[in-house]
C-alpha atoms as a PDB file:
ATOM      1  CA  MET A   1     -29.841 -50.956 -25.863  1.00  0.00           C
ATOM      2  CA  SER A   2     -31.572 -51.992 -22.667  1.00  0.00           C
ATOM      3  CA  GLN A   3     -31.424 -55.634 -23.713  1.00  0.00           C
ATOM      4  CA  VAL A   4     -27.694 -55.363 -24.312  1.00  0.00           C
ATOM      5  CA  ALA A   5     -27.266 -53.752 -20.945  1.00  0.00           C
ATOM      6  CA  GLU A   6     -29.235 -56.488 -19.293  1.00  0.00           C
ATOM      7  CA  ALA A   7     -27.058 -59.097 -21.008  1.00  0.00           C
ATOM      8  CA  VAL A   8     -23.941 -57.691 -19.377  1.00  0.00           C
ATOM      9  CA  PRO A   9     -23.107 -59.692 -16.247  1.00  0.00           C
ATOM     10  CA  THR A  10     -23.412 -57.620 -13.112  1.00  0.00           C
ATOM     11  CA  GLY A  11     -20.001 -58.810 -11.956  1.00  0.00           C
ATOM     12  CA  ILE A  12     -18.308 -57.076 -14.870  1.00  0.00           C
ATOM     13  CA  ALA A  13     -20.134 -53.818 -14.223  1.00  0.00           C
ATOM     14  CA  ALA A  14     -19.008 -53.941 -10.612  1.00  0.00           C
ATOM     15  CA  ILE A  15     -15.305 -54.107 -11.449  1.00  0.00           C
ATOM     16  CA  PRO A  16     -13.735 -50.811 -10.191  1.00  0.00           C
ATOM     17  CA  GLU A  17     -11.660 -48.664 -12.482  1.00  0.00           C
ATOM     18  CA  ALA A  18      -7.934 -49.099 -12.146  1.00  0.00           C
ATOM     19  CA  SER A  19      -6.540 -46.502  -9.754  1.00  0.00           C
ATOM     20  CA  PRO A  20      -3.495 -44.500 -10.909  1.00  0.00           C
ATOM     21  CA  SER A  21      -0.179 -45.870  -9.771  1.00  0.00           C
ATOM     22  CA  ARG A  22       1.714 -44.202  -6.968  1.00  0.00           C
ATOM     23  CA  ILE A  23       4.494 -43.319  -9.378  1.00  0.00           C
ATOM     24  CA  GLY A  24       1.976 -41.624 -11.656  1.00  0.00           C
ATOM     25  CA  VAL A  25       0.596 -39.589  -8.749  1.00  0.00           C
ATOM     26  CA  ILE A  26       4.079 -38.461  -7.705  1.00  0.00           C
ATOM     27  CA  ALA A  27       4.942 -37.587 -11.318  1.00  0.00           C
ATOM     28  CA  GLY A  28       1.759 -35.544 -11.546  1.00  0.00           C
ATOM     29  CA  GLU A  29       2.618 -33.607  -8.404  1.00  0.00           C
ATOM     30  CA  LEU A  30       6.184 -32.944  -9.570  1.00  0.00           C
ATOM     31  CA  ALA A  31       4.827 -31.664 -12.890  1.00  0.00           C
ATOM     32  CA  LYS A  32       3.076 -28.864 -10.984  1.00  0.00           C
ATOM     33  CA  LEU A  33       6.294 -27.444  -9.534  1.00  0.00           C
ATOM     34  CA  PRO A  34       7.359 -25.555 -12.716  1.00  0.00           C
ATOM     35  CA  ALA A  35       4.024 -23.723 -12.603  1.00  0.00           C
ATOM     36  CA  PHE A  36       4.827 -22.446  -9.100  1.00  0.00           C
ATOM     37  CA  ALA A  37       8.318 -21.385 -10.216  1.00  0.00           C
ATOM     38  CA  ARG A  38       6.946 -19.629 -13.321  1.00  0.00           C
ATOM     39  CA  ARG A  39       4.337 -17.777 -11.259  1.00  0.00           C
ATOM     40  CA  ASP A  40       6.928 -16.495  -8.783  1.00  0.00           C
ATOM     41  CA  LEU A  41       9.376 -15.579 -11.573  1.00  0.00           C
ATOM     42  CA  LEU A  42       6.728 -13.490 -13.334  1.00  0.00           C
ATOM     43  CA  GLU A  43       5.780 -11.865 -10.048  1.00  0.00           C
ATOM     44  CA  ALA A  44       9.422 -11.073  -9.203  1.00  0.00           C
ATOM     45  CA  TRP A  45      10.082  -9.739 -12.700  1.00  0.00           C
ATOM     46  CA  SER A  46       7.010  -7.511 -12.511  1.00  0.00           C
ATOM     47  CA  TYR A  47       8.791  -5.663  -9.685  1.00  0.00           C
ATOM     48  CA  ARG A  48      12.069  -5.098 -11.525  1.00  0.00           C
ATOM     49  CA  MET A  49      13.425  -2.553  -9.059  1.00  0.00           C
ATOM     50  CA  VAL A  50      13.100  -5.057  -6.199  1.00  0.00           C
ATOM     51  CA  PHE A  51      14.574  -7.766  -8.428  1.00  0.00           C
ATOM     52  CA  PHE A  52      17.756  -5.800  -9.151  1.00  0.00           C
ATOM     53  CA  SER A  53      17.996  -4.119  -5.746  1.00  0.00           C
ATOM     54  CA  ASP A  54      18.370  -7.596  -4.215  1.00  0.00           C
ATOM     55  CA  ILE A  55      21.656  -8.041  -6.081  1.00  0.00           C
ATOM     56  CA  GLY A  56      22.638  -4.432  -5.434  1.00  0.00           C
ATOM     57  CA  SER A  57      22.109  -4.725  -1.681  1.00  0.00           C
ATOM     58  CA  LEU A  58      24.408  -7.737  -1.574  1.00  0.00           C
ATOM     59  CA  PHE A  59      27.240  -5.817  -3.224  1.00  0.00           C
ATOM     60  CA  LEU A  60      26.689  -2.786  -0.998  1.00  0.00           C
ATOM     61  CA  GLU A  61      26.972  -5.054   2.018  1.00  0.00           C
ATOM     62  CA  LEU A  62      30.211  -6.542   0.681  1.00  0.00           C
ATOM     63  CA  ILE A  63      31.639  -3.086  -0.066  1.00  0.00           C
ATOM     64  CA  THR A  64      30.863  -2.035   3.512  1.00  0.00           C
ATOM     65  CA  PHE A  65      32.653  -5.065   4.923  1.00  0.00           C
ATOM     66  CA  TYR A  66      35.584  -4.493   2.559  1.00  0.00           C
ATOM     67  CA  PHE A  67      36.316  -1.151   4.241  1.00  0.00           C
ATOM     68  CA  VAL A  68      35.619  -2.608   7.685  1.00  0.00           C
ATOM     69  CA  GLY A  69      38.186  -5.267   6.891  1.00  0.00           C
ATOM     70  CA  LEU A  70      40.868  -2.603   6.395  1.00  0.00           C
ATOM     71  CA  MET A  71      40.667  -1.931  10.133  1.00  0.00           C
ATOM     72  CA  ILE A  72      40.888  -5.571  11.219  1.00  0.00           C
ATOM     73  CA  ASP A  73      44.117  -7.257  12.260  1.00  0.00           C
ATOM     74  CA  PRO A  74      44.674 -10.208   9.865  1.00  0.00           C
ATOM     75  CA  ASP A  75      46.242 -12.176  12.739  1.00  0.00           C
ATOM     76  CA  VAL A  76      42.830 -12.714  14.366  1.00  0.00           C
ATOM     77  CA  LEU A  77      41.500 -14.475  11.264  1.00  0.00           C
ATOM     78  CA  PRO A  78      41.795 -18.268  10.988  1.00  0.00           C
ATOM     79  CA  ASP A  79      43.734 -20.095   8.297  1.00  0.00           C
ATOM     80  CA  TYR A  80      42.040 -22.502   5.894  1.00  0.00           C
ATOM     81  CA  GLY A  81      44.004 -25.300   4.288  1.00  0.00           C
ATOM     82  CA  GLY A  82      47.177 -23.707   5.586  1.00  0.00           C
ATOM     83  CA  LYS A  83      46.381 -20.454   3.760  1.00  0.00           C
ATOM     84  CA  SER A  84      45.942 -17.104   5.474  1.00  0.00           C
ATOM     85  CA  THR A  85      42.793 -15.167   4.582  1.00  0.00           C
ATOM     86  CA  THR A  86      41.793 -11.538   4.358  1.00  0.00           C
ATOM     87  CA  TYR A  87      38.661 -10.302   6.080  1.00  0.00           C
ATOM     88  CA  ILE A  88      36.800  -9.722   2.811  1.00  0.00           C
ATOM     89  CA  GLU A  89      37.490 -13.349   1.832  1.00  0.00           C
ATOM     90  CA  PHE A  90      36.359 -14.510   5.241  1.00  0.00           C
ATOM     91  CA  VAL A  91      33.140 -12.493   5.331  1.00  0.00           C
ATOM     92  CA  ALA A  92      32.202 -12.860   1.645  1.00  0.00           C
ATOM     93  CA  VAL A  93      31.774 -16.627   1.960  1.00  0.00           C
ATOM     94  CA  GLY A  94      29.857 -16.181   5.216  1.00  0.00           C
ATOM     95  CA  ILE A  95      27.435 -13.639   3.752  1.00  0.00           C
ATOM     96  CA  VAL A  96      26.778 -15.597   0.570  1.00  0.00           C
ATOM     97  CA  LEU A  97      26.113 -18.891   2.390  1.00  0.00           C
ATOM     98  CA  ASN A  98      24.022 -17.185   5.061  1.00  0.00           C
ATOM     99  CA  VAL A  99      21.483 -16.343   2.350  1.00  0.00           C
ATOM    100  CA  PHE A 100      20.348 -19.975   2.324  1.00  0.00           C
ATOM    101  CA  LEU A 101      19.081 -19.615   5.895  1.00  0.00           C
ATOM    102  CA  THR A 102      17.041 -16.603   4.824  1.00  0.00           C
ATOM    103  CA  VAL A 103      15.567 -18.549   1.914  1.00  0.00           C
ATOM    104  CA  GLY A 104      14.641 -21.645   3.858  1.00  0.00           C
ATOM    105  CA  PHE A 105      13.533 -19.860   7.003  1.00  0.00           C
ATOM    106  CA  SER A 106      11.787 -16.636   6.038  1.00  0.00           C
ATOM    107  CA  ARG A 107      10.718 -17.314   2.453  1.00  0.00           C
ATOM    108  CA  VAL A 108       8.754 -20.468   3.356  1.00  0.00           C
ATOM    109  CA  ALA A 109       6.809 -18.650   6.057  1.00  0.00           C
ATOM    110  CA  GLY A 110       6.619 -15.551   3.862  1.00  0.00           C
ATOM    111  CA  ALA A 111       5.170 -17.510   0.960  1.00  0.00           C
ATOM    112  CA  ILE A 112       2.371 -18.958   3.120  1.00  0.00           C
ATOM    113  CA  ARG A 113       1.747 -15.565   4.698  1.00  0.00           C
ATOM    114  CA  GLY A 114       1.708 -13.971   1.256  1.00  0.00           C
ATOM    115  CA  GLU A 115      -0.967 -16.392   0.080  1.00  0.00           C
ATOM    116  CA  GLN A 116      -3.038 -15.345   3.105  1.00  0.00           C
ATOM    117  CA  PHE A 117      -2.645 -11.642   2.314  1.00  0.00           C
ATOM    118  CA  LYS A 118      -3.632 -12.199  -1.322  1.00  0.00           C
ATOM    119  CA  GLY A 119      -6.625 -14.297  -0.266  1.00  0.00           C
ATOM    120  CA  THR A 120      -5.463 -17.278  -2.314  1.00  0.00           C
ATOM    121  CA  LEU A 121      -4.429 -19.700   0.433  1.00  0.00           C
ATOM    122  CA  GLU A 122      -7.829 -21.351   0.842  1.00  0.00           C
ATOM    123  CA  VAL A 123      -8.334 -21.556  -2.923  1.00  0.00           C
ATOM    124  CA  LEU A 124      -4.890 -23.106  -3.353  1.00  0.00           C
ATOM    125  CA  LEU A 125      -5.555 -25.685  -0.650  1.00  0.00           C
ATOM    126  CA  MET A 126      -8.864 -26.628  -2.267  1.00  0.00           C
ATOM    127  CA  THR A 127      -7.158 -27.644  -5.504  1.00  0.00           C
ATOM    128  CA  PRO A 128      -6.222 -31.326  -6.020  1.00  0.00           C
ATOM    129  CA  THR A 129      -2.636 -30.566  -5.036  1.00  0.00           C
ATOM    130  CA  ALA A 130      -0.755 -32.275  -2.218  1.00  0.00           C
ATOM    131  CA  LEU A 131       0.222 -30.102   0.723  1.00  0.00           C
ATOM    132  CA  ALA A 132       3.881 -31.103   0.273  1.00  0.00           C
ATOM    133  CA  THR A 133       3.699 -29.890  -3.341  1.00  0.00           C
ATOM    134  CA  ILE A 134       2.351 -26.526  -2.220  1.00  0.00           C
ATOM    135  CA  GLN A 135       5.077 -26.213   0.416  1.00  0.00           C
ATOM    136  CA  LEU A 136       7.861 -27.104  -2.019  1.00  0.00           C
ATOM    137  CA  GLY A 137       6.337 -25.096  -4.839  1.00  0.00           C
ATOM    138  CA  SER A 138       6.236 -21.993  -2.645  1.00  0.00           C
ATOM    139  CA  ILE A 139      10.046 -21.907  -2.571  1.00  0.00           C
ATOM    140  CA  MET A 140      10.741 -23.543  -5.947  1.00  0.00           C
ATOM    141  CA  TYR A 141      11.707 -20.254  -7.559  1.00  0.00           C
ATOM    142  CA  GLN A 142      14.037 -19.422  -4.682  1.00  0.00           C
ATOM    143  CA  LEU A 143      15.726 -22.830  -4.869  1.00  0.00           C
ATOM    144  CA  ILE A 144      16.595 -22.043  -8.489  1.00  0.00           C
ATOM    145  CA  TYR A 145      17.369 -18.350  -8.076  1.00  0.00           C
ATOM    146  CA  ILE A 146      19.517 -18.419  -4.946  1.00  0.00           C
ATOM    147  CA  PRO A 147      22.200 -20.864  -6.251  1.00  0.00           C
ATOM    148  CA  ILE A 148      22.505 -18.771  -9.428  1.00  0.00           C
ATOM    149  CA  ARG A 149      22.701 -15.629  -7.319  1.00  0.00           C
ATOM    150  CA  THR A 150      25.348 -17.263  -5.139  1.00  0.00           C
ATOM    151  CA  VAL A 151      27.602 -18.217  -8.060  1.00  0.00           C
ATOM    152  CA  VAL A 152      27.217 -14.757  -9.627  1.00  0.00           C
ATOM    153  CA  ALA A 153      28.074 -13.124  -6.303  1.00  0.00           C
ATOM    154  CA  LEU A 154      31.169 -15.299  -5.792  1.00  0.00           C
ATOM    155  CA  VAL A 155      32.445 -14.580  -9.309  1.00  0.00           C
ATOM    156  CA  ALA A 156      31.835 -10.846  -8.810  1.00  0.00           C
ATOM    157  CA  VAL A 157      33.672 -10.938  -5.479  1.00  0.00           C
ATOM    158  CA  MET A 158      36.652 -12.524  -7.210  1.00  0.00           C
ATOM    159  CA  LEU A 159      36.671  -9.913  -9.975  1.00  0.00           C
ATOM    160  CA  VAL A 160      35.944  -6.799  -7.899  1.00  0.00           C
ATOM    161  CA  PHE A 161      37.724  -7.500  -4.623  1.00  0.00           C
ATOM    162  CA  GLY A 162      40.397  -9.917  -5.812  1.00  0.00           C
ATOM    163  CA  VAL A 163      39.144 -12.672  -3.518  1.00  0.00           C
ATOM    164  CA  ASP A 164      41.003 -15.915  -4.194  1.00  0.00           C
ATOM    165  CA  LEU A 165      38.429 -18.718  -4.276  1.00  0.00           C
ATOM    166  CA  ASP A 166      39.022 -22.353  -5.128  1.00  0.00           C
ATOM    167  CA  PHE A 167      36.073 -23.335  -7.311  1.00  0.00           C
ATOM    168  CA  SER A 168      37.005 -27.005  -7.045  1.00  0.00           C
ATOM    169  CA  GLY A 169      35.302 -26.749  -3.656  1.00  0.00           C
ATOM    170  CA  LEU A 170      32.008 -25.633  -5.209  1.00  0.00           C
ATOM    171  CA  LEU A 171      30.624 -29.175  -5.548  1.00  0.00           C
ATOM    172  CA  PRO A 172      31.384 -30.149  -1.915  1.00  0.00           C
ATOM    173  CA  VAL A 173      29.786 -26.893  -0.776  1.00  0.00           C
ATOM    174  CA  THR A 174      26.711 -27.671  -2.867  1.00  0.00           C
ATOM    175  CA  VAL A 175      26.382 -31.085  -1.211  1.00  0.00           C
ATOM    176  CA  VAL A 176      26.642 -29.508   2.238  1.00  0.00           C
ATOM    177  CA  MET A 177      24.019 -26.932   1.301  1.00  0.00           C
ATOM    178  CA  LEU A 178      21.668 -29.688   0.136  1.00  0.00           C
ATOM    179  CA  GLY A 179      22.085 -31.236   3.568  1.00  0.00           C
ATOM    180  CA  PHE A 180      21.289 -27.906   5.236  1.00  0.00           C
ATOM    181  CA  VAL A 181      18.323 -26.640   3.193  1.00  0.00           C
ATOM    182  CA  PRO A 182      15.814 -29.121   4.749  1.00  0.00           C
ATOM    183  CA  PHE A 183      16.877 -27.884   8.191  1.00  0.00           C
ATOM    184  CA  ALA A 184      16.115 -24.283   7.270  1.00  0.00           C
ATOM    185  CA  TRP A 185      12.957 -25.382   5.460  1.00  0.00           C
ATOM    186  CA  GLY A 186      11.743 -27.140   8.603  1.00  0.00           C
ATOM    187  CA  LEU A 187      12.271 -23.985  10.651  1.00  0.00           C
ATOM    188  CA  GLY A 188      10.378 -22.063   7.997  1.00  0.00           C
ATOM    189  CA  LEU A 189       7.434 -24.456   8.270  1.00  0.00           C
ATOM    190  CA  ILE A 190       7.399 -24.041  12.052  1.00  0.00           C
ATOM    191  CA  SER A 191       7.387 -20.269  11.546  1.00  0.00           C
ATOM    192  CA  ALA A 192       4.564 -20.600   9.007  1.00  0.00           C
ATOM    193  CA  ALA A 193       2.598 -22.713  11.489  1.00  0.00           C
ATOM    194  CA  GLY A 194       3.076 -20.031  14.107  1.00  0.00           C
ATOM    195  CA  SER A 195       1.892 -17.355  11.677  1.00  0.00           C
ATOM    196  CA  LEU A 196      -1.233 -19.356  10.840  1.00  0.00           C
ATOM    197  CA  THR A 197      -2.085 -19.885  14.504  1.00  0.00           C
ATOM    198  CA  PHE A 198      -0.893 -16.722  16.230  1.00  0.00           C
ATOM    199  CA  ARG A 199      -0.659 -14.362  13.222  1.00  0.00           C
ATOM    200  CA  GLY A 200       2.280 -12.259  14.511  1.00  0.00           C
ATOM    201  CA  ALA A 201       4.411 -15.204  15.660  1.00  0.00           C
ATOM    202  CA  GLY A 202       6.884 -14.647  12.818  1.00  0.00           C
ATOM    203  CA  LEU A 203       8.500 -11.851  14.814  1.00  0.00           C
ATOM    204  CA  GLY A 204       9.776 -14.304  17.427  1.00  0.00           C
ATOM    205  CA  PHE A 205      11.172 -16.620  14.780  1.00  0.00           C
ATOM    206  CA  GLY A 206      12.902 -13.632  13.171  1.00  0.00           C
ATOM    207  CA  LEU A 207      14.771 -13.152  16.442  1.00  0.00           C
ATOM    208  CA  LEU A 208      15.811 -16.810  16.340  1.00  0.00           C
ATOM    209  CA  MET A 209      17.137 -16.337  12.801  1.00  0.00           C
ATOM    210  CA  THR A 210      19.144 -13.297  13.940  1.00  0.00           C
ATOM    211  CA  LEU A 211      20.663 -15.273  16.823  1.00  0.00           C
ATOM    212  CA  MET A 212      21.571 -18.129  14.470  1.00  0.00           C
ATOM    213  CA  THR A 213      23.257 -15.681  12.103  1.00  0.00           C
ATOM    214  CA  LEU A 214      25.236 -13.966  14.850  1.00  0.00           C
ATOM    215  CA  SER A 215      26.415 -17.309  16.235  1.00  0.00           C
ATOM    216  CA  SER A 216      27.294 -18.732  12.816  1.00  0.00           C
ATOM    217  CA  GLY A 217      30.676 -17.085  12.423  1.00  0.00           C
ATOM    218  CA  ALA A 218      29.498 -15.377   9.244  1.00  0.00           C
ATOM    219  CA  PHE A 219      30.887 -11.990  10.291  1.00  0.00           C
ATOM    220  CA  PHE A 220      33.552 -12.804  12.877  1.00  0.00           C
ATOM    221  CA  PRO A 221      35.514 -15.891  13.991  1.00  0.00           C
ATOM    222  CA  LEU A 222      33.804 -17.941  16.665  1.00  0.00           C
ATOM    223  CA  ASP A 223      37.099 -18.067  18.560  1.00  0.00           C
ATOM    224  CA  LEU A 224      36.437 -14.475  19.643  1.00  0.00           C
ATOM    225  CA  LEU A 225      33.436 -15.609  21.701  1.00  0.00           C
ATOM    226  CA  PRO A 226      33.779 -16.762  25.329  1.00  0.00           C
ATOM    227  CA  GLY A 227      34.828 -20.413  25.481  1.00  0.00           C
ATOM    228  CA  TRP A 228      31.490 -21.874  26.581  1.00  0.00           C
ATOM    229  CA  LEU A 229      29.558 -19.770  24.061  1.00  0.00           C
ATOM    230  CA  ALA A 230      31.932 -20.680  21.226  1.00  0.00           C
ATOM    231  CA  THR A 231      31.404 -24.380  22.017  1.00  0.00           C
ATOM    232  CA  ILE A 232      27.614 -23.952  21.757  1.00  0.00           C
ATOM    233  CA  ALA A 233      27.924 -21.862  18.580  1.00  0.00           C
ATOM    234  CA  GLU A 234      29.957 -24.584  16.873  1.00  0.00           C
ATOM    235  CA  LEU A 235      26.856 -26.828  17.059  1.00  0.00           C
ATOM    236  CA  ASN A 236      24.852 -24.281  15.085  1.00  0.00           C
ATOM    237  CA  PRO A 237      24.044 -25.987  11.716  1.00  0.00           C
ATOM    238  CA  LEU A 238      24.590 -22.683   9.900  1.00  0.00           C
ATOM    239  CA  ALA A 239      28.038 -22.367  11.505  1.00  0.00           C
ATOM    240  CA  ILE A 240      28.869 -25.883  10.293  1.00  0.00           C
ATOM    241  CA  VAL A 241      27.837 -24.968   6.742  1.00  0.00           C
ATOM    242  CA  ILE A 242      29.824 -21.728   6.685  1.00  0.00           C
ATOM    243  CA  GLN A 243      32.904 -23.397   8.168  1.00  0.00           C
ATOM    244  CA  ALA A 244      32.721 -26.162   5.554  1.00  0.00           C
ATOM    245  CA  GLY A 245      32.243 -23.569   2.827  1.00  0.00           C
ATOM    246  CA  ARG A 246      35.343 -21.662   3.893  1.00  0.00           C
ATOM    247  CA  GLU A 247      37.406 -24.832   4.139  1.00  0.00           C
ATOM    248  CA  ALA A 248      36.362 -25.820   0.608  1.00  0.00           C
ATOM    249  CA  LEU A 249      36.361 -22.437  -1.155  1.00  0.00           C
ATOM    250  CA  LEU A 250      39.256 -20.751   0.653  1.00  0.00           C
ATOM    251  CA  GLY A 251      41.383 -23.697   1.748  1.00  0.00           C
ATOM    252  CA  GLY A 252      40.721 -26.060  -1.151  1.00  0.00           C
ATOM    253  CA  VAL A 253      40.170 -28.885   1.335  1.00  0.00           C
ATOM    254  CA  GLY A 254      37.599 -30.555  -0.909  1.00  0.00           C
ATOM    255  CA  TRP A 255      35.724 -33.608   0.348  1.00  0.00           C
ATOM    256  CA  SER A 256      37.964 -34.453   3.303  1.00  0.00           C
ATOM    257  CA  GLU A 257      36.004 -32.288   5.768  1.00  0.00           C
ATOM    258  CA  ILE A 258      32.538 -32.833   4.319  1.00  0.00           C
ATOM    259  CA  THR A 259      31.699 -36.296   5.696  1.00  0.00           C
ATOM    260  CA  GLY A 260      31.795 -35.242   9.341  1.00  0.00           C
ATOM    261  CA  ASP A 261      29.708 -32.133   8.604  1.00  0.00           C
ATOM    262  CA  LEU A 262      27.033 -34.156   6.810  1.00  0.00           C
ATOM    263  CA  ALA A 263      26.909 -36.618   9.709  1.00  0.00           C
ATOM    264  CA  ILE A 264      25.657 -33.722  11.860  1.00  0.00           C
ATOM    265  CA  LEU A 265      23.592 -31.813   9.290  1.00  0.00           C
ATOM    266  CA  VAL A 266      21.530 -34.679   7.864  1.00  0.00           C
ATOM    267  CA  PRO A 267      20.022 -35.892  11.190  1.00  0.00           C
ATOM    268  CA  ALA A 268      19.368 -32.284  12.226  1.00  0.00           C
ATOM    269  CA  SER A 269      17.636 -31.657   8.896  1.00  0.00           C
ATOM    270  CA  VAL A 270      15.489 -34.789   9.237  1.00  0.00           C
ATOM    271  CA  VAL A 271      14.328 -33.754  12.722  1.00  0.00           C
ATOM    272  CA  SER A 272      13.714 -30.132  11.697  1.00  0.00           C
ATOM    273  CA  LEU A 273      11.768 -31.026   8.548  1.00  0.00           C
ATOM    274  CA  ALA A 274       9.669 -33.643  10.345  1.00  0.00           C
ATOM    275  CA  ALA A 275       8.859 -31.226  13.179  1.00  0.00           C
ATOM    276  CA  GLY A 276       8.052 -28.445  10.727  1.00  0.00           C
ATOM    277  CA  THR A 277       5.776 -30.633   8.615  1.00  0.00           C
ATOM    278  CA  LEU A 278       3.897 -31.871  11.687  1.00  0.00           C
ATOM    279  CA  ALA A 279       3.535 -28.358  13.136  1.00  0.00           C
ATOM    280  CA  PHE A 280       2.254 -26.942   9.855  1.00  0.00           C
ATOM    281  CA  ARG A 281      -0.276 -29.734   9.335  1.00  0.00           C
ATOM    282  CA  MET A 282      -1.573 -29.336  12.892  1.00  0.00           C
ATOM    283  CA  ALA A 283      -1.883 -25.552  12.482  1.00  0.00           C
ATOM    284  CA  LEU A 284      -3.640 -25.983   9.139  1.00  0.00           C
ATOM    285  CA  ALA A 285      -6.101 -28.494  10.593  1.00  0.00           C
ATOM    286  CA  ARG A 286      -6.810 -26.186  13.523  1.00  0.00           C
ATOM    287  CA  GLU A 287      -7.505 -23.134  11.353  1.00  0.00           C
ATOM    288  CA  ARG A 288      -9.664 -25.151   8.956  1.00  0.00           C
ATOM    289  CA  GLY A 289     -11.707 -26.463  11.882  1.00  0.00           C
ATOM    290  CA  LYS A 290     -12.241 -22.945  13.237  1.00  0.00           C
ATOM    291  CA  GLY A 291     -12.920 -21.498   9.780  1.00  0.00           C
ATOM    292  CA  THR A 292     -10.229 -18.830  10.253  1.00  0.00           C
ATOM    293  CA  LEU A 293      -7.758 -19.953   7.608  1.00  0.00           C
ATOM    294  CA  SER A 294      -8.250 -16.841   5.467  1.00  0.00           C
ATOM    295  CA  LEU A 295      -7.828 -14.411   8.375  1.00  0.00           C
ATOM    296  CA  TYR A 296      -4.537 -12.582   8.866  1.00  0.00           C
END
């Protein structure tokens, strides 16, 4: 055997093994995402009361606003596509679409924080898994669950409250939401970075989320705000999404209003996601260097 080995030219032995293609690496990372979704589904289903109370709380909120709407003058509500709207129609779309901010913003930071509490963050980061895969995988279940929850909620609103929705606008709304989710995801990464570095920093970002919700027009028309404040609020990406959603689902406007909204949302999402990714990587590197990644 040694003679055979000696007969092999050294140049052949020195040839490196072929490295996997970039496409193969990406495919391997994407193949890990269902495992994240399955893990979170099993965890959510293990707490069945929380699982069902999430849906129940949404309907309780809508019932509350239904009775509040009985006290509101319909004349203060805007028209969409030339159609007048009731308050329950107005607020139902706002509440349902506002959930996407909660998912992108708080669930991303919450997922990272949860890994810290469970003591699995360091172990997860030591696996041969890309950081982007971990970040996306942490909200993979929510990205599947929330759209289903949204459609179920809209159908229930139509059946229970008699809300007249134009489901031909569902596809345009979906496109707008896809343009908005990276924006919320970027904010969530910034919040997660703050939690890694300052531990309790999530409280400040929660205040920011509350301010974004209040200035989104989800619960009342922005026209009721002072002029200067209404102008600022109209630049709120969440307000743009909710306005587009109402135009499509209540006014049946379709694609005519979507292009201008995407022209604002997409650049904002690119900046937010880039800033969030950079902030999270810097926070992660800092905590790894100090050896405090597992502390919370």
